[in-house]
mmCIF file of all heavy atoms, coordinates in Angstrom:
data_MODEL
# 
_entry.id   MODEL 
# 
loop_
_atom_site.group_PDB 
_atom_site.id 
_atom_site.type_symbol 
_atom_site.label_atom_id 
_atom_site.label_alt_id 
_atom_site.label_comp_id 
_atom_site.label_asym_id 
_atom_site.label_entity_id 
_atom_site.label_seq_id 
_atom_site.pdbx_PDB_ins_code 
_atom_site.Cartn_x 
_atom_site.Cartn_y 
_atom_site.Cartn_z 
_atom_site.occupancy 
_atom_site.B_iso_or_equiv 
_atom_site.pdbx_formal_charge 
_atom_site.auth_seq_id 
_atom_site.auth_comp_id 
_atom_site.auth_asym_id 
_atom_site.auth_atom_id 
_atom_site.pdbx_PDB_model_num 
ATOM 1   N N   . PRO A 1 1  ? 43.516 64.754 74.054 1.00 0.00 ? 1  PRO A N   1 
ATOM 2   C CA  . PRO A 1 1  ? 44.685 64.156 73.420 1.00 0.00 ? 1  PRO A CA  1 
ATOM 3   C C   . PRO A 1 1  ? 44.362 62.810 72.757 1.00 0.00 ? 1  PRO A C   1 
ATOM 4   O O   . PRO A 1 1  ? 45.134 62.351 71.923 1.00 0.00 ? 1  PRO A O   1 
ATOM 5   C CB  . PRO A 1 1  ? 45.718 64.004 74.488 1.00 0.00 ? 1  PRO A CB  1 
ATOM 6   C CG  . PRO A 1 1  ? 44.887 63.945 75.798 1.00 0.00 ? 1  PRO A CG  1 
ATOM 7   C CD  . PRO A 1 1  ? 43.656 64.851 75.521 1.00 0.00 ? 1  PRO A CD  1 
ATOM 8   N N   . THR A 1 2  ? 43.288 62.127 73.149 1.00 0.00 ? 2  THR A N   1 
ATOM 9   C CA  . THR A 1 2  ? 43.003 60.775 72.650 1.00 0.00 ? 2  THR A CA  1 
ATOM 10  C C   . THR A 1 2  ? 42.172 60.875 71.352 1.00 0.00 ? 2  THR A C   1 
ATOM 11  O O   . THR A 1 2  ? 41.840 59.809 70.792 1.00 0.00 ? 2  THR A O   1 
ATOM 12  C CB  . THR A 1 2  ? 42.230 59.971 73.633 1.00 0.00 ? 2  THR A CB  1 
ATOM 13  O OG1 . THR A 1 2  ? 41.021 60.604 74.027 1.00 0.00 ? 2  THR A OG1 1 
ATOM 14  C CG2 . THR A 1 2  ? 43.040 59.774 74.903 1.00 0.00 ? 2  THR A CG2 1 
ATOM 15  N N   . THR A 1 3  ? 41.859 62.067 70.840 1.00 0.00 ? 3  THR A N   1 
ATOM 16  C CA  . THR A 1 3  ? 41.165 62.171 69.573 1.00 0.00 ? 3  THR A CA  1 
ATOM 17  C C   . THR A 1 3  ? 41.887 61.385 68.438 1.00 0.00 ? 3  THR A C   1 
ATOM 18  O O   . THR A 1 3  ? 43.057 61.471 68.299 1.00 0.00 ? 3  THR A O   1 
ATOM 19  C CB  . THR A 1 3  ? 41.083 63.673 69.201 1.00 0.00 ? 3  THR A CB  1 
ATOM 20  O OG1 . THR A 1 3  ? 40.356 64.376 70.189 1.00 0.00 ? 3  THR A OG1 1 
ATOM 21  C CG2 . THR A 1 3  ? 40.332 63.876 67.850 1.00 0.00 ? 3  THR A CG2 1 
ATOM 22  N N   . HIS A 1 4  ? 41.106 60.624 67.715 1.00 0.00 ? 4  HIS A N   1 
ATOM 23  C CA  . HIS A 1 4  ? 41.509 59.749 66.602 1.00 0.00 ? 4  HIS A CA  1 
ATOM 24  C C   . HIS A 1 4  ? 42.369 58.606 67.003 1.00 0.00 ? 4  HIS A C   1 
ATOM 25  O O   . HIS A 1 4  ? 42.763 57.832 66.063 1.00 0.00 ? 4  HIS A O   1 
ATOM 26  C CB  . HIS A 1 4  ? 42.339 60.668 65.578 1.00 0.00 ? 4  HIS A CB  1 
ATOM 27  C CG  . HIS A 1 4  ? 41.590 61.816 65.012 1.00 0.00 ? 4  HIS A CG  1 
ATOM 28  N ND1 . HIS A 1 4  ? 40.378 61.698 64.371 1.00 0.00 ? 4  HIS A ND1 1 
ATOM 29  C CD2 . HIS A 1 4  ? 41.856 63.175 65.052 1.00 0.00 ? 4  HIS A CD2 1 
ATOM 30  C CE1 . HIS A 1 4  ? 39.943 62.878 63.957 1.00 0.00 ? 4  HIS A CE1 1 
ATOM 31  N NE2 . HIS A 1 4  ? 40.851 63.784 64.357 1.00 0.00 ? 4  HIS A NE2 1 
ATOM 32  N N   . LEU A 1 5  ? 42.701 58.417 68.260 1.00 0.00 ? 5  LEU A N   1 
ATOM 33  C CA  . LEU A 1 5  ? 43.568 57.339 68.622 1.00 0.00 ? 5  LEU A CA  1 
ATOM 34  C C   . LEU A 1 5  ? 42.688 56.044 68.863 1.00 0.00 ? 5  LEU A C   1 
ATOM 35  O O   . LEU A 1 5  ? 41.583 56.089 69.464 1.00 0.00 ? 5  LEU A O   1 
ATOM 36  C CB  . LEU A 1 5  ? 44.320 57.623 69.922 1.00 0.00 ? 5  LEU A CB  1 
ATOM 37  C CG  . LEU A 1 5  ? 45.288 58.770 69.921 1.00 0.00 ? 5  LEU A CG  1 
ATOM 38  C CD1 . LEU A 1 5  ? 45.965 58.828 71.280 1.00 0.00 ? 5  LEU A CD1 1 
ATOM 39  C CD2 . LEU A 1 5  ? 46.228 58.645 68.773 1.00 0.00 ? 5  LEU A CD2 1 
ATOM 40  N N   . ASP A 1 6  ? 43.219 54.870 68.377 1.00 0.00 ? 6  ASP A N   1 
ATOM 41  C CA  . ASP A 1 6  ? 42.503 53.671 68.689 1.00 0.00 ? 6  ASP A CA  1 
ATOM 42  C C   . ASP A 1 6  ? 42.812 53.207 70.152 1.00 0.00 ? 6  ASP A C   1 
ATOM 43  O O   . ASP A 1 6  ? 43.611 53.891 70.862 1.00 0.00 ? 6  ASP A O   1 
ATOM 44  C CB  . ASP A 1 6  ? 42.956 52.529 67.709 1.00 0.00 ? 6  ASP A CB  1 
ATOM 45  C CG  . ASP A 1 6  ? 44.418 52.272 67.707 1.00 0.00 ? 6  ASP A CG  1 
ATOM 46  O OD1 . ASP A 1 6  ? 45.118 52.690 68.677 1.00 0.00 ? 6  ASP A OD1 1 
ATOM 47  O OD2 . ASP A 1 6  ? 44.942 51.755 66.729 1.00 0.00 ? 6  ASP A OD2 1 
ATOM 48  N N   . ALA A 1 7  ? 42.154 52.191 70.597 1.00 0.00 ? 7  ALA A N   1 
ATOM 49  C CA  . ALA A 1 7  ? 42.185 51.758 71.993 1.00 0.00 ? 7  ALA A CA  1 
ATOM 50  C C   . ALA A 1 7  ? 43.615 51.499 72.477 1.00 0.00 ? 7  ALA A C   1 
ATOM 51  O O   . ALA A 1 7  ? 44.007 51.999 73.539 1.00 0.00 ? 7  ALA A O   1 
ATOM 52  C CB  . ALA A 1 7  ? 41.234 50.663 72.260 1.00 0.00 ? 7  ALA A CB  1 
ATOM 53  N N   . PRO A 1 8  ? 44.399 50.745 71.673 1.00 0.00 ? 8  PRO A N   1 
ATOM 54  C CA  . PRO A 1 8  ? 45.781 50.444 72.225 1.00 0.00 ? 8  PRO A CA  1 
ATOM 55  C C   . PRO A 1 8  ? 46.580 51.785 72.386 1.00 0.00 ? 8  PRO A C   1 
ATOM 56  O O   . PRO A 1 8  ? 47.370 51.908 73.354 1.00 0.00 ? 8  PRO A O   1 
ATOM 57  C CB  . PRO A 1 8  ? 46.382 49.612 71.148 1.00 0.00 ? 8  PRO A CB  1 
ATOM 58  C CG  . PRO A 1 8  ? 45.178 48.894 70.499 1.00 0.00 ? 8  PRO A CG  1 
ATOM 59  C CD  . PRO A 1 8  ? 44.131 49.946 70.488 1.00 0.00 ? 8  PRO A CD  1 
ATOM 60  N N   . HIS A 1 9  ? 46.453 52.722 71.487 1.00 0.00 ? 9  HIS A N   1 
ATOM 61  C CA  . HIS A 1 9  ? 47.248 53.974 71.535 1.00 0.00 ? 9  HIS A CA  1 
ATOM 62  C C   . HIS A 1 9  ? 46.663 54.878 72.617 1.00 0.00 ? 9  HIS A C   1 
ATOM 63  O O   . HIS A 1 9  ? 47.402 55.658 73.181 1.00 0.00 ? 9  HIS A O   1 
ATOM 64  C CB  . HIS A 1 9  ? 47.274 54.649 70.173 1.00 0.00 ? 9  HIS A CB  1 
ATOM 65  C CG  . HIS A 1 9  ? 48.169 53.935 69.225 1.00 0.00 ? 9  HIS A CG  1 
ATOM 66  N ND1 . HIS A 1 9  ? 47.782 53.203 68.165 1.00 0.00 ? 9  HIS A ND1 1 
ATOM 67  C CD2 . HIS A 1 9  ? 49.572 53.842 69.205 1.00 0.00 ? 9  HIS A CD2 1 
ATOM 68  C CE1 . HIS A 1 9  ? 48.777 52.715 67.473 1.00 0.00 ? 9  HIS A CE1 1 
ATOM 69  N NE2 . HIS A 1 9  ? 49.883 53.104 68.079 1.00 0.00 ? 9  HIS A NE2 1 
ATOM 70  N N   . GLN A 1 10 ? 45.349 54.811 72.875 1.00 0.00 ? 10 GLN A N   1 
ATOM 71  C CA  . GLN A 1 10 ? 44.809 55.537 74.005 1.00 0.00 ? 10 GLN A CA  1 
ATOM 72  C C   . GLN A 1 10 ? 45.431 55.050 75.295 1.00 0.00 ? 10 GLN A C   1 
ATOM 73  O O   . GLN A 1 10 ? 45.885 55.850 76.152 1.00 0.00 ? 10 GLN A O   1 
ATOM 74  C CB  . GLN A 1 10 ? 43.298 55.385 74.037 1.00 0.00 ? 10 GLN A CB  1 
ATOM 75  C CG  . GLN A 1 10 ? 42.541 56.099 72.981 1.00 0.00 ? 10 GLN A CG  1 
ATOM 76  C CD  . GLN A 1 10 ? 41.027 55.959 73.092 1.00 0.00 ? 10 GLN A CD  1 
ATOM 77  O OE1 . GLN A 1 10 ? 40.543 55.159 73.912 1.00 0.00 ? 10 GLN A OE1 1 
ATOM 78  N NE2 . GLN A 1 10 ? 40.279 56.656 72.268 1.00 0.00 ? 10 GLN A NE2 1 
ATOM 79  N N   . ARG A 1 11 ? 45.498 53.769 75.482 1.00 0.00 ? 11 ARG A N   1 
ATOM 80  C CA  . ARG A 1 11 ? 46.076 53.193 76.699 1.00 0.00 ? 11 ARG A CA  1 
ATOM 81  C C   . ARG A 1 11 ? 47.570 53.535 76.801 1.00 0.00 ? 11 ARG A C   1 
ATOM 82  O O   . ARG A 1 11 ? 48.046 53.848 77.923 1.00 0.00 ? 11 ARG A O   1 
ATOM 83  C CB  . ARG A 1 11 ? 45.893 51.673 76.721 1.00 0.00 ? 11 ARG A CB  1 
ATOM 84  C CG  . ARG A 1 11 ? 44.406 51.228 77.002 1.00 0.00 ? 11 ARG A CG  1 
ATOM 85  C CD  . ARG A 1 11 ? 44.272 49.761 76.938 1.00 0.00 ? 11 ARG A CD  1 
ATOM 86  N NE  . ARG A 1 11 ? 45.054 49.110 77.981 1.00 0.00 ? 11 ARG A NE  1 
ATOM 87  C CZ  . ARG A 1 11 ? 44.671 48.857 79.187 1.00 0.00 ? 11 ARG A CZ  1 
ATOM 88  N NH1 . ARG A 1 11 ? 43.407 49.209 79.545 1.00 0.00 ? 11 ARG A NH1 1 
ATOM 89  N NH2 . ARG A 1 11 ? 45.422 48.249 80.081 1.00 0.00 ? 11 ARG A NH2 1 
ATOM 90  N N   . ALA A 1 12 ? 48.256 53.561 75.691 1.00 0.00 ? 12 ALA A N   1 
ATOM 91  C CA  . ALA A 1 12 ? 49.684 53.822 75.713 1.00 0.00 ? 12 ALA A CA  1 
ATOM 92  C C   . ALA A 1 12 ? 49.870 55.312 76.048 1.00 0.00 ? 12 ALA A C   1 
ATOM 93  O O   . ALA A 1 12 ? 50.814 55.599 76.799 1.00 0.00 ? 12 ALA A O   1 
ATOM 94  C CB  . ALA A 1 12 ? 50.308 53.575 74.278 1.00 0.00 ? 12 ALA A CB  1 
ATOM 95  N N   . LEU A 1 13 ? 48.994 56.186 75.576 1.00 0.00 ? 13 LEU A N   1 
ATOM 96  C CA  . LEU A 1 13 ? 49.130 57.611 75.952 1.00 0.00 ? 13 LEU A CA  1 
ATOM 97  C C   . LEU A 1 13 ? 48.925 57.780 77.429 1.00 0.00 ? 13 LEU A C   1 
ATOM 98  O O   . LEU A 1 13 ? 49.654 58.481 78.066 1.00 0.00 ? 13 LEU A O   1 
ATOM 99  C CB  . LEU A 1 13 ? 48.136 58.451 75.142 1.00 0.00 ? 13 LEU A CB  1 
ATOM 100 C CG  . LEU A 1 13 ? 47.994 59.863 75.580 1.00 0.00 ? 13 LEU A CG  1 
ATOM 101 C CD1 . LEU A 1 13 ? 49.332 60.662 75.399 1.00 0.00 ? 13 LEU A CD1 1 
ATOM 102 C CD2 . LEU A 1 13 ? 46.856 60.632 74.807 1.00 0.00 ? 13 LEU A CD2 1 
ATOM 103 N N   . LEU A 1 14 ? 47.875 57.129 78.002 1.00 0.00 ? 14 LEU A N   1 
ATOM 104 C CA  . LEU A 1 14 ? 47.634 57.274 79.413 1.00 0.00 ? 14 LEU A CA  1 
ATOM 105 C C   . LEU A 1 14 ? 48.778 56.794 80.234 1.00 0.00 ? 14 LEU A C   1 
ATOM 106 O O   . LEU A 1 14 ? 49.184 57.357 81.271 1.00 0.00 ? 14 LEU A O   1 
ATOM 107 C CB  . LEU A 1 14 ? 46.303 56.541 79.805 1.00 0.00 ? 14 LEU A CB  1 
ATOM 108 C CG  . LEU A 1 14 ? 45.040 57.007 79.100 1.00 0.00 ? 14 LEU A CG  1 
ATOM 109 C CD1 . LEU A 1 14 ? 43.788 56.391 79.760 1.00 0.00 ? 14 LEU A CD1 1 
ATOM 110 C CD2 . LEU A 1 14 ? 44.893 58.525 79.128 1.00 0.00 ? 14 LEU A CD2 1 
ATOM 111 N N   . ARG A 1 15 ? 49.424 55.697 79.777 1.00 0.00 ? 15 ARG A N   1 
ATOM 112 C CA  . ARG A 1 15 ? 50.638 55.194 80.509 1.00 0.00 ? 15 ARG A CA  1 
ATOM 113 C C   . ARG A 1 15 ? 51.763 56.241 80.426 1.00 0.00 ? 15 ARG A C   1 
ATOM 114 O O   . ARG A 1 15 ? 52.492 56.463 81.377 1.00 0.00 ? 15 ARG A O   1 
ATOM 115 C CB  . ARG A 1 15 ? 51.114 53.901 79.917 1.00 0.00 ? 15 ARG A CB  1 
ATOM 116 C CG  . ARG A 1 15 ? 50.225 52.688 80.240 1.00 0.00 ? 15 ARG A CG  1 
ATOM 117 C CD  . ARG A 1 15 ? 50.976 51.346 79.959 1.00 0.00 ? 15 ARG A CD  1 
ATOM 118 N NE  . ARG A 1 15 ? 51.259 51.272 78.501 1.00 0.00 ? 15 ARG A NE  1 
ATOM 119 C CZ  . ARG A 1 15 ? 50.438 50.625 77.641 1.00 0.00 ? 15 ARG A CZ  1 
ATOM 120 N NH1 . ARG A 1 15 ? 49.264 50.198 78.052 1.00 0.00 ? 15 ARG A NH1 1 
ATOM 121 N NH2 . ARG A 1 15 ? 50.770 50.570 76.322 1.00 0.00 ? 15 ARG A NH2 1 
ATOM 122 N N   . SER A 1 16 ? 51.920 56.899 79.238 1.00 0.00 ? 16 SER A N   1 
ATOM 123 C CA  . SER A 1 16 ? 52.948 57.928 79.142 1.00 0.00 ? 16 SER A CA  1 
ATOM 124 C C   . SER A 1 16 ? 52.662 59.122 80.048 1.00 0.00 ? 16 SER A C   1 
ATOM 125 O O   . SER A 1 16 ? 53.593 59.633 80.689 1.00 0.00 ? 16 SER A O   1 
ATOM 126 C CB  . SER A 1 16 ? 52.979 58.421 77.690 1.00 0.00 ? 16 SER A CB  1 
ATOM 127 O OG  . SER A 1 16 ? 53.454 57.400 76.813 1.00 0.00 ? 16 SER A OG  1 
ATOM 128 N N   . LEU A 1 17 ? 51.445 59.583 80.134 1.00 0.00 ? 17 LEU A N   1 
ATOM 129 C CA  . LEU A 1 17 ? 51.111 60.710 80.985 1.00 0.00 ? 17 LEU A CA  1 
ATOM 130 C C   . LEU A 1 17 ? 51.338 60.352 82.462 1.00 0.00 ? 17 LEU A C   1 
ATOM 131 O O   . LEU A 1 17 ? 51.838 61.109 83.267 1.00 0.00 ? 17 LEU A O   1 
ATOM 132 C CB  . LEU A 1 17 ? 49.669 61.101 80.769 1.00 0.00 ? 17 LEU A CB  1 
ATOM 133 C CG  . LEU A 1 17 ? 49.344 61.661 79.381 1.00 0.00 ? 17 LEU A CG  1 
ATOM 134 C CD1 . LEU A 1 17 ? 47.867 62.017 79.254 1.00 0.00 ? 17 LEU A CD1 1 
ATOM 135 C CD2 . LEU A 1 17 ? 50.248 62.830 78.963 1.00 0.00 ? 17 LEU A CD2 1 
ATOM 136 N N   . ARG A 1 18 ? 50.893 59.134 82.814 1.00 0.00 ? 18 ARG A N   1 
ATOM 137 C CA  . ARG A 1 18 ? 51.090 58.707 84.192 1.00 0.00 ? 18 ARG A CA  1 
ATOM 138 C C   . ARG A 1 18 ? 52.616 58.568 84.495 1.00 0.00 ? 18 ARG A C   1 
ATOM 139 O O   . ARG A 1 18 ? 53.019 58.937 85.666 1.00 0.00 ? 18 ARG A O   1 
ATOM 140 C CB  . ARG A 1 18 ? 50.429 57.343 84.464 1.00 0.00 ? 18 ARG A CB  1 
ATOM 141 C CG  . ARG A 1 18 ? 50.464 56.901 85.893 1.00 0.00 ? 18 ARG A CG  1 
ATOM 142 C CD  . ARG A 1 18 ? 49.617 55.710 86.173 1.00 0.00 ? 18 ARG A CD  1 
ATOM 143 N NE  . ARG A 1 18 ? 48.188 56.045 86.011 1.00 0.00 ? 18 ARG A NE  1 
ATOM 144 C CZ  . ARG A 1 18 ? 47.514 56.734 86.929 1.00 0.00 ? 18 ARG A CZ  1 
ATOM 145 N NH1 . ARG A 1 18 ? 48.090 57.220 88.006 1.00 0.00 ? 18 ARG A NH1 1 
ATOM 146 N NH2 . ARG A 1 18 ? 46.156 56.982 86.740 1.00 0.00 ? 18 ARG A NH2 1 
ATOM 147 N N   . ALA A 1 19 ? 53.372 58.083 83.595 1.00 0.00 ? 19 ALA A N   1 
ATOM 148 C CA  . ALA A 1 19 ? 54.808 57.999 83.838 1.00 0.00 ? 19 ALA A CA  1 
ATOM 149 C C   . ALA A 1 19 ? 55.481 59.368 83.984 1.00 0.00 ? 19 ALA A C   1 
ATOM 150 O O   . ALA A 1 19 ? 56.325 59.547 84.850 1.00 0.00 ? 19 ALA A O   1 
ATOM 151 C CB  . ALA A 1 19 ? 55.495 57.284 82.665 1.00 0.00 ? 19 ALA A CB  1 
ATOM 152 N N   . ARG A 1 20 ? 54.998 60.346 83.217 1.00 0.00 ? 20 ARG A N   1 
ATOM 153 C CA  . ARG A 1 20 ? 55.628 61.681 83.367 1.00 0.00 ? 20 ARG A CA  1 
ATOM 154 C C   . ARG A 1 20 ? 55.125 62.329 84.645 1.00 0.00 ? 20 ARG A C   1 
ATOM 155 O O   . ARG A 1 20 ? 55.941 63.005 85.304 1.00 0.00 ? 20 ARG A O   1 
ATOM 156 C CB  . ARG A 1 20 ? 55.151 62.564 82.186 1.00 0.00 ? 20 ARG A CB  1 
ATOM 157 C CG  . ARG A 1 20 ? 56.107 62.357 81.035 1.00 0.00 ? 20 ARG A CG  1 
ATOM 158 C CD  . ARG A 1 20 ? 55.605 62.972 79.717 1.00 0.00 ? 20 ARG A CD  1 
ATOM 159 N NE  . ARG A 1 20 ? 56.725 62.910 78.758 1.00 0.00 ? 20 ARG A NE  1 
ATOM 160 C CZ  . ARG A 1 20 ? 57.242 61.833 78.166 1.00 0.00 ? 20 ARG A CZ  1 
ATOM 161 N NH1 . ARG A 1 20 ? 56.738 60.667 78.495 1.00 0.00 ? 20 ARG A NH1 1 
ATOM 162 N NH2 . ARG A 1 20 ? 58.241 61.916 77.353 1.00 0.00 ? 20 ARG A NH2 1 
ATOM 163 N N   . ALA A 1 21 ? 53.969 62.080 85.058 1.00 0.00 ? 21 ALA A N   1 
ATOM 164 C CA  . ALA A 1 21 ? 53.514 62.595 86.421 1.00 0.00 ? 21 ALA A CA  1 
ATOM 165 C C   . ALA A 1 21 ? 54.365 61.892 87.515 1.00 0.00 ? 21 ALA A C   1 
ATOM 166 O O   . ALA A 1 21 ? 54.772 62.561 88.440 1.00 0.00 ? 21 ALA A O   1 
ATOM 167 C CB  . ALA A 1 21 ? 52.015 62.295 86.615 1.00 0.00 ? 21 ALA A CB  1 
ATOM 168 N N   . ALA A 1 22 ? 54.624 60.644 87.353 1.00 0.00 ? 22 ALA A N   1 
ATOM 169 C CA  . ALA A 1 22 ? 55.420 59.926 88.393 1.00 0.00 ? 22 ALA A CA  1 
ATOM 170 C C   . ALA A 1 22 ? 56.896 60.492 88.407 1.00 0.00 ? 22 ALA A C   1 
ATOM 171 O O   . ALA A 1 22 ? 57.487 60.455 89.476 1.00 0.00 ? 22 ALA A O   1 
ATOM 172 C CB  . ALA A 1 22 ? 55.516 58.419 88.022 1.00 0.00 ? 22 ALA A CB  1 
ATOM 173 N N   . ARG A 1 23 ? 57.310 61.081 87.287 1.00 0.00 ? 23 ARG A N   1 
ATOM 174 C CA  . ARG A 1 23 ? 58.662 61.676 87.276 1.00 0.00 ? 23 ARG A CA  1 
ATOM 175 C C   . ARG A 1 23 ? 58.641 63.121 87.635 1.00 0.00 ? 23 ARG A C   1 
ATOM 176 O O   . ARG A 1 23 ? 59.704 63.837 87.586 1.00 0.00 ? 23 ARG A O   1 
ATOM 177 C CB  . ARG A 1 23 ? 59.329 61.456 85.898 1.00 0.00 ? 23 ARG A CB  1 
ATOM 178 C CG  . ARG A 1 23 ? 59.597 60.064 85.511 1.00 0.00 ? 23 ARG A CG  1 
ATOM 179 C CD  . ARG A 1 23 ? 60.578 59.902 84.416 1.00 0.00 ? 23 ARG A CD  1 
ATOM 180 N NE  . ARG A 1 23 ? 60.134 60.518 83.101 1.00 0.00 ? 23 ARG A NE  1 
ATOM 181 C CZ  . ARG A 1 23 ? 59.538 59.779 82.183 1.00 0.00 ? 23 ARG A CZ  1 
ATOM 182 N NH1 . ARG A 1 23 ? 59.212 58.503 82.373 1.00 0.00 ? 23 ARG A NH1 1 
ATOM 183 N NH2 . ARG A 1 23 ? 59.168 60.372 81.055 1.00 0.00 ? 23 ARG A NH2 1 
ATOM 184 N N   . GLY A 1 24 ? 57.463 63.615 88.031 1.00 0.00 ? 24 GLY A N   1 
ATOM 185 C CA  . GLY A 1 24 ? 57.410 64.978 88.610 1.00 0.00 ? 24 GLY A CA  1 
ATOM 186 C C   . GLY A 1 24 ? 56.650 66.043 87.795 1.00 0.00 ? 24 GLY A C   1 
ATOM 187 O O   . GLY A 1 24 ? 56.611 67.239 88.183 1.00 0.00 ? 24 GLY A O   1 
ATOM 188 N N   . ALA A 1 25 ? 56.125 65.615 86.622 1.00 0.00 ? 25 ALA A N   1 
ATOM 189 C CA  . ALA A 1 25 ? 55.383 66.600 85.864 1.00 0.00 ? 25 ALA A CA  1 
ATOM 190 C C   . ALA A 1 25 ? 53.976 66.861 86.459 1.00 0.00 ? 25 ALA A C   1 
ATOM 191 O O   . ALA A 1 25 ? 53.383 65.998 87.054 1.00 0.00 ? 25 ALA A O   1 
ATOM 192 C CB  . ALA A 1 25 ? 55.225 66.158 84.422 1.00 0.00 ? 25 ALA A CB  1 
ATOM 193 N N   . ALA A 1 26 ? 53.367 68.006 86.182 1.00 0.00 ? 26 ALA A N   1 
ATOM 194 C CA  . ALA A 1 26 ? 52.005 68.300 86.545 1.00 0.00 ? 26 ALA A CA  1 
ATOM 195 C C   . ALA A 1 26 ? 51.234 68.200 85.192 1.00 0.00 ? 26 ALA A C   1 
ATOM 196 O O   . ALA A 1 26 ? 51.557 68.880 84.232 1.00 0.00 ? 26 ALA A O   1 
ATOM 197 C CB  . ALA A 1 26 ? 51.900 69.755 87.090 1.00 0.00 ? 26 ALA A CB  1 
# 
């Protein structure tokens, strides 16, 4: 999923995925 993303957007994506996992997603 981080293909073509710059470093700030990579970090933002990882935060989003972690937040969704925290809310119960696998």
